[in-house]
Amino acid sequence: MKILDLGCGDAKEKGAVGIDYRPCQAVDIVHDLNIYPWPLENNFFDLVVCKHVIEHLNDVIKAMEEIHRILKKGGIVKIYTPHMSNIMSFRDPTHKWHFTCGSFDYFIEGLQKNQVSYTDISFKLVKKRLTFTNNIVGPLAKSISKLSMETYEKHFCRMFPAKELYLEMQAVK
């Protein structure tokens, strides 16, 4: 399996090729992910891991197009990013974007129909979830979000902030 870890830093996914703008021991390819195209082959990777990097990039749409370009047909992207209710989403001055559960719907096949189309690429949603701290309200917030992420965000996310948004999507080509 060919795996790419975007913005890996020193915490590269096991068995992955790591790309980051800062040279360090775990980085295999030194490249600024805000410069397109990325120096990677089309239709090459089976899995792209994007852990806490997409919120730092200048252009989310272009980044998603690049991820789609380098994934094989049916390849998977796993995105981890702070949920917009997490204070850390706003505390970090290098974060340019703050994501909701619906932020990536623009790229998901079937969910695009009621939205403006910003790109021609599409993904199939495999998994979407929120993670929470293990404090006293975490399990309650998790239960609410499992019933309806929209209801959670509309009514409860300020009282019971999420920690992280996780998405797993399959490239449709």
Protein backbone atom coordinates (compact mmCIF):
# COMPACT_ATOMS: atom_id res chain seq x y z
CA MET A 1 0.00 0.00 0.00
CA LYS A 2 1.37 3.41 -0.99
CA ILE A 3 0.73 5.94 1.79
CA LEU A 4 1.39 9.68 1.83
CA ASP A 5 1.50 11.68 5.05
CA LEU A 6 0.81 15.36 4.27
CA GLY A 7 2.54 17.79 6.61
CA CYS A 8 4.00 14.91 8.58
CA GLY A 9 6.62 16.82 10.58
CA ASP A 10 8.38 14.42 12.95
CA ALA A 11 5.26 12.27 13.46
CA LYS A 12 5.07 10.45 10.13
CA GLU A 13 2.56 7.64 9.67
CA LYS A 14 4.32 4.25 9.71
CA GLY A 15 5.20 3.07 6.20
CA ALA A 16 4.32 6.42 4.61
CA VAL A 17 6.14 8.85 2.41
CA GLY A 18 6.23 12.13 4.34
CA ILE A 19 5.96 15.59 2.81
CA ASP A 20 6.40 18.82 4.75
CA TYR A 21 7.75 22.31 4.19
CA ARG A 22 10.25 21.93 7.04
CA PRO A 23 13.15 19.54 6.61
CA CYS A 24 13.42 17.09 9.47
CA GLN A 25 14.30 13.43 9.93
CA ALA A 26 10.85 12.01 9.10
CA VAL A 27 10.32 14.17 6.00
CA ASP A 28 11.06 12.47 2.67
CA ILE A 29 9.96 15.33 0.40
CA VAL A 30 10.51 18.95 1.38
CA HIS A 31 7.80 21.03 -0.28
CA ASP A 32 5.48 23.88 0.64
CA LEU A 33 1.96 22.44 0.27
CA ASN A 34 0.70 25.92 -0.67
CA ILE A 35 2.62 25.64 -3.95
CA TYR A 36 0.78 23.71 -6.67
CA PRO A 37 1.06 21.24 -8.20
CA TRP A 38 2.64 19.13 -5.52
CA PRO A 39 5.70 17.17 -6.75
CA LEU A 40 3.82 13.87 -6.68
CA GLU A 41 2.59 11.52 -9.41
CA ASN A 42 -1.04 11.35 -10.55
CA ASN A 43 -3.06 8.33 -9.38
CA PHE A 44 -0.20 7.00 -7.24
CA PHE A 45 -1.29 6.71 -3.61
CA ASP A 46 -3.74 4.29 -2.01
CA LEU A 47 -4.00 6.37 1.17
CA VAL A 48 -3.36 10.03 2.00
CA VAL A 49 -3.22 10.97 5.68
CA CYS A 50 -3.82 14.61 6.50
CA LYS A 51 -3.41 15.10 10.27
CA HIS A 52 -3.88 18.66 11.44
CA VAL A 53 -2.52 20.27 8.29
CA ILE A 54 -5.47 21.30 6.09
CA GLU A 55 -6.43 24.13 8.45
CA HIS A 56 -2.98 25.65 7.80
CA LEU A 57 -3.20 25.71 4.00
CA ASN A 58 -4.11 28.78 1.95
CA ASP A 59 -6.58 27.09 -0.42
CA VAL A 60 -8.65 24.13 0.83
CA ILE A 61 -10.29 23.55 -2.57
CA LYS A 62 -6.94 23.39 -4.37
CA ALA A 63 -5.54 21.09 -1.67
CA MET A 64 -8.52 18.74 -2.04
CA GLU A 65 -8.03 18.77 -5.83
CA GLU A 66 -4.38 17.82 -5.34
CA ILE A 67 -5.30 15.04 -2.92
CA HIS A 68 -7.81 13.75 -5.47
CA ARG A 69 -5.21 13.97 -8.27
CA ILE A 70 -2.57 11.92 -6.44
CA LEU A 71 -4.98 9.28 -5.10
CA LYS A 72 -5.64 6.17 -7.14
CA LYS A 73 -9.24 5.49 -8.15
CA GLY A 74 -10.87 4.31 -4.93
CA GLY A 75 -7.98 5.65 -2.84
CA ILE A 76 -8.75 6.95 0.64
CA VAL A 77 -8.00 10.27 2.31
CA LYS A 78 -8.15 10.55 6.10
CA ILE A 79 -8.51 14.10 7.37
CA TYR A 80 -8.09 15.10 11.01
CA THR A 81 -8.67 18.74 11.89
CA PRO A 82 -9.82 20.70 14.93
CA HIS A 83 -13.58 21.17 15.01
CA MET A 84 -14.60 24.82 14.93
CA SER A 85 -15.96 24.56 18.49
CA ASN A 86 -12.51 23.62 19.80
CA ILE A 87 -10.83 26.73 21.20
CA MET A 88 -7.53 25.45 19.77
CA SER A 89 -8.96 25.95 16.30
CA PHE A 90 -8.89 29.69 16.95
CA ARG A 91 -5.98 29.91 19.40
CA ASP A 92 -3.34 28.82 16.89
CA PRO A 93 -2.46 31.90 14.79
CA THR A 94 -1.37 29.69 11.88
CA HIS A 95 -4.87 28.22 11.45
CA LYS A 96 -6.51 29.80 8.43
CA TRP A 97 -9.73 27.74 8.42
CA HIS A 98 -12.21 26.52 11.03
CA PHE A 99 -14.22 23.49 9.95
CA THR A 100 -17.74 22.29 10.70
CA CYS A 101 -19.15 18.84 10.04
CA GLY A 102 -20.45 20.10 6.70
CA SER A 103 -17.33 21.89 5.47
CA PHE A 104 -16.22 19.00 3.29
CA ASP A 105 -19.69 18.20 1.92
CA TYR A 106 -18.80 20.29 -1.14
CA PHE A 107 -16.48 17.47 -2.19
CA ILE A 108 -18.74 14.53 -1.31
CA GLU A 109 -20.73 12.83 -4.03
CA GLY A 110 -24.46 13.12 -3.43
CA LEU A 111 -24.10 15.93 -0.89
CA GLN A 112 -23.02 18.41 -3.57
CA LYS A 113 -26.42 18.59 -5.26
CA ASN A 114 -27.78 21.32 -2.97
CA GLN A 115 -24.55 23.27 -2.85
CA VAL A 116 -22.52 25.49 -5.11
CA SER A 117 -19.98 23.49 -7.08
CA TYR A 118 -16.49 24.86 -6.60
CA THR A 119 -14.69 21.95 -8.25
CA ASP A 120 -15.22 18.98 -10.55
CA ILE A 121 -13.67 16.42 -8.20
CA SER A 122 -15.69 14.25 -5.88
CA PHE A 123 -15.26 11.77 -3.07
CA LYS A 124 -17.49 9.15 -1.53
CA LEU A 125 -17.98 9.61 2.21
CA VAL A 126 -16.76 6.57 4.12
CA LYS A 127 -16.80 7.93 7.68
CA LYS A 128 -17.36 11.22 9.48
CA ARG A 129 -17.18 11.66 13.24
CA LEU A 130 -16.39 14.08 15.99
CA THR A 131 -14.13 13.26 18.89
CA PHE A 132 -14.51 14.68 22.38
CA THR A 133 -12.50 14.88 25.57
CA ASN A 134 -13.08 12.20 28.16
CA ASN A 135 -14.38 14.61 30.77
CA ILE A 136 -17.87 14.40 32.24
CA VAL A 137 -19.66 15.99 29.25
CA GLY A 138 -17.68 14.24 26.49
CA PRO A 139 -19.87 11.11 26.34
CA LEU A 140 -23.07 13.21 26.31
CA ALA A 141 -21.80 15.42 23.48
CA LYS A 142 -20.66 12.36 21.54
CA SER A 143 -24.12 10.81 21.87
CA ILE A 144 -25.81 13.99 20.63
CA SER A 145 -23.43 14.27 17.67
CA LYS A 146 -24.05 10.63 16.71
CA LEU A 147 -27.80 11.31 16.59
CA SER A 148 -27.33 14.44 14.45
CA MET A 149 -24.16 16.38 13.78
CA GLU A 150 -26.25 19.27 12.52
CA THR A 151 -28.28 19.43 15.74
CA TYR A 152 -25.10 19.16 17.79
CA GLU A 153 -23.49 22.08 15.94
CA LYS A 154 -26.62 24.22 15.93
CA HIS A 155 -27.56 23.83 19.59
CA PHE A 156 -24.83 22.19 21.68
CA CYS A 157 -21.31 22.74 20.29
CA ARG A 158 -20.68 25.90 22.35
CA MET A 159 -21.71 24.16 25.59
CA PHE A 160 -19.94 20.88 24.79
CA PRO A 161 -17.07 21.62 22.35
CA ALA A 162 -15.73 18.88 20.14
CA LYS A 163 -12.04 18.17 20.01
CA GLU A 164 -11.58 17.02 16.44
CA LEU A 165 -13.38 16.40 13.15
CA TYR A 166 -12.39 13.19 11.35
CA LEU A 167 -13.32 12.39 7.78
CA GLU A 168 -12.54 9.38 5.65
CA MET A 169 -13.34 9.75 1.96
CA GLN A 170 -12.78 7.64 -1.13
CA ALA A 171 -11.69 9.22 -4.44
CA VAL A 172 -14.32 8.94 -7.18
CA LYS A 173 -12.72 9.01 -10.64
